[in-house]
């Protein structure tokens, strides 16, 4: 199985004491884990919203290092992903949900690339016909 790794999984790795299950899951699935261009936007936006200083500089360096390790495993928001995004967004509205467009874009990219979605925020996607795993939970693939 291939996985699109949601931003909340990637950002867990930069914590002072990251969740051991997440680290183990990422190590186990290293060859099958992909990032999206949307995650780059979310990480950079978070960085840019921080005040200038050591923490922001450290985050910038961490993002650069993380991106270089995924350089050949980056999935983009292409026309097929856009089609899936629109379908998922419609399903969300029909289900009474108000998802972020970023979440629907990540889901669209996962579906367009035949990937499961690895996320902590299962509730943000559980109404979609998309395989989801939560690396924070025991027994995740």
Protein backbone atom coordinates (compact mmCIF):
# COMPACT_ATOMS: atom_id res chain seq x y z
CA UNK A 1 0.00 0.00 0.00
CA UNK A 2 1.19 3.53 -0.78
CA UNK A 3 0.33 6.42 1.54
CA UNK A 4 -0.14 10.16 1.31
CA UNK A 5 1.14 11.49 4.60
CA UNK A 6 -0.98 14.33 5.97
CA UNK A 7 0.68 17.42 7.39
CA UNK A 8 -0.17 16.48 11.00
CA UNK A 9 1.85 13.26 10.68
CA UNK A 10 4.90 15.01 9.22
CA UNK A 11 4.80 17.82 11.77
CA UNK A 12 4.71 15.29 14.62
CA UNK A 13 8.31 14.39 13.81
CA UNK A 14 9.59 17.86 14.69
CA UNK A 15 8.26 17.81 18.23
CA UNK A 16 10.69 17.56 21.14
CA UNK A 17 9.07 14.26 22.14
CA UNK A 18 7.34 12.86 19.03
CA UNK A 19 4.87 10.01 19.27
CA UNK A 20 6.81 6.72 19.05
CA UNK A 21 4.05 4.98 17.09
CA UNK A 22 4.19 7.70 14.43
CA UNK A 23 7.97 7.47 14.18
CA UNK A 24 7.77 3.68 13.89
CA UNK A 25 5.01 3.89 11.29
CA UNK A 26 7.01 6.37 9.19
CA UNK A 27 10.12 4.19 9.42
CA UNK A 28 8.18 1.04 8.50
CA UNK A 29 6.50 2.75 5.53
CA UNK A 30 9.38 4.96 4.41
CA UNK A 31 9.43 3.58 0.86
CA UNK A 32 5.67 3.91 0.45
CA UNK A 33 5.10 7.32 2.08
CA UNK A 34 4.52 10.38 -0.12
CA UNK A 35 3.95 14.06 0.57
CA UNK A 36 1.79 16.51 -1.33
CA UNK A 37 2.42 20.02 -2.52
CA UNK A 38 -0.43 21.00 -0.18
CA UNK A 39 1.62 19.92 2.83
CA UNK A 40 4.44 22.16 1.63
CA UNK A 41 2.01 25.09 1.58
CA UNK A 42 0.67 24.29 5.04
CA UNK A 43 4.14 23.95 6.56
CA UNK A 44 5.50 27.11 4.90
CA UNK A 45 2.40 29.10 5.86
CA UNK A 46 2.89 28.04 9.48
CA UNK A 47 6.50 29.11 9.29
CA UNK A 48 5.68 32.47 7.73
CA UNK A 49 3.06 33.21 10.40
CA UNK A 50 5.66 32.86 13.16
CA UNK A 51 7.53 35.90 14.40
CA UNK A 52 11.11 36.17 13.14
CA UNK A 53 13.61 34.52 15.42
CA UNK A 54 15.33 31.30 16.37
CA UNK A 55 12.19 29.14 16.42
CA UNK A 56 11.15 30.30 12.95
CA UNK A 57 14.69 29.77 11.62
CA UNK A 58 14.78 26.28 13.14
CA UNK A 59 11.40 25.45 11.57
CA UNK A 60 12.64 26.73 8.20
CA UNK A 61 15.68 24.44 8.40
CA UNK A 62 13.54 21.47 9.48
CA UNK A 63 11.13 22.00 6.56
CA UNK A 64 14.03 22.27 4.10
CA UNK A 65 15.56 19.03 5.42
CA UNK A 66 12.24 17.20 5.38
CA UNK A 67 11.49 18.34 1.83
CA UNK A 68 14.89 17.24 0.60
CA UNK A 69 14.26 13.76 1.99
CA UNK A 70 10.92 13.59 0.09
CA UNK A 71 12.09 15.35 -3.10
CA UNK A 72 11.44 12.29 -5.27
CA UNK A 73 8.23 11.40 -3.41
CA UNK A 74 6.16 14.55 -3.86
CA UNK A 75 2.66 14.34 -5.34
CA UNK A 76 1.06 17.35 -7.01
CA UNK A 77 -2.45 18.72 -7.36
CA UNK A 78 -3.06 17.87 -11.01
CA UNK A 79 -6.31 17.79 -13.06
CA UNK A 80 -7.18 14.25 -11.89
CA UNK A 81 -6.65 15.24 -8.24
CA UNK A 82 -8.78 18.35 -8.85
CA UNK A 83 -11.64 16.17 -10.14
CA UNK A 84 -11.47 13.98 -7.02
CA UNK A 85 -11.20 17.06 -4.81
CA UNK A 86 -14.42 18.45 -6.29
CA UNK A 87 -16.22 15.13 -5.78
CA UNK A 88 -15.00 14.83 -2.20
CA UNK A 89 -15.90 18.45 -1.47
CA UNK A 90 -19.44 17.82 -2.74
CA UNK A 91 -19.68 14.65 -0.62
CA UNK A 92 -18.54 16.63 2.40
CA UNK A 93 -21.18 19.33 1.92
CA UNK A 94 -23.86 16.65 1.32
CA UNK A 95 -22.79 14.99 4.59
CA UNK A 96 -23.18 18.28 6.46
CA UNK A 97 -19.43 18.77 6.84
CA UNK A 98 -17.42 21.93 6.28
CA UNK A 99 -13.94 20.69 5.37
CA UNK A 100 -10.99 22.86 4.53
CA UNK A 101 -10.16 22.98 0.85
CA UNK A 102 -6.63 21.86 1.77
CA UNK A 103 -8.01 18.64 3.28
CA UNK A 104 -10.11 17.97 0.20
CA UNK A 105 -7.10 18.65 -2.04
CA UNK A 106 -4.95 16.20 -0.05
CA UNK A 107 -7.74 13.60 -0.26
CA UNK A 108 -8.04 14.21 -4.01
CA UNK A 109 -4.31 13.73 -4.49
CA UNK A 110 -4.40 10.50 -2.48
CA UNK A 111 -7.31 9.12 -4.51
CA UNK A 112 -5.81 10.17 -7.85
CA UNK A 113 -2.59 8.35 -6.97
CA UNK A 114 -4.22 5.20 -5.53
CA UNK A 115 -2.91 5.93 -2.05
CA UNK A 116 -4.37 5.58 1.41
CA UNK A 117 -4.31 8.70 3.56
CA UNK A 118 -2.24 8.66 6.75
CA UNK A 119 -3.65 11.22 9.17
CA UNK A 120 -4.39 11.81 12.80
CA UNK A 121 -7.55 13.71 11.87
CA UNK A 122 -9.57 10.70 10.73
CA UNK A 123 -12.85 12.51 11.40
CA UNK A 124 -11.96 15.09 8.73
CA UNK A 125 -12.04 12.33 6.10
CA UNK A 126 -14.09 9.41 7.47
CA UNK A 127 -17.14 10.21 5.33
CA UNK A 128 -15.14 9.78 2.10
CA UNK A 129 -14.64 6.55 0.20
CA UNK A 130 -10.91 6.69 0.79
CA UNK A 131 -8.69 4.28 2.74
CA UNK A 132 -7.43 5.99 5.90
CA UNK A 133 -4.88 4.98 8.52
CA UNK A 134 -4.03 6.71 11.77
CA UNK A 135 -0.35 6.18 12.63
CA UNK A 136 -1.05 7.37 16.18
CA UNK A 137 -3.15 4.25 16.79
CA UNK A 138 -1.80 0.82 17.50
CA UNK A 139 -2.16 -1.63 14.63
CA UNK A 140 -2.01 0.92 11.81
CA UNK A 141 -0.50 -0.58 8.68
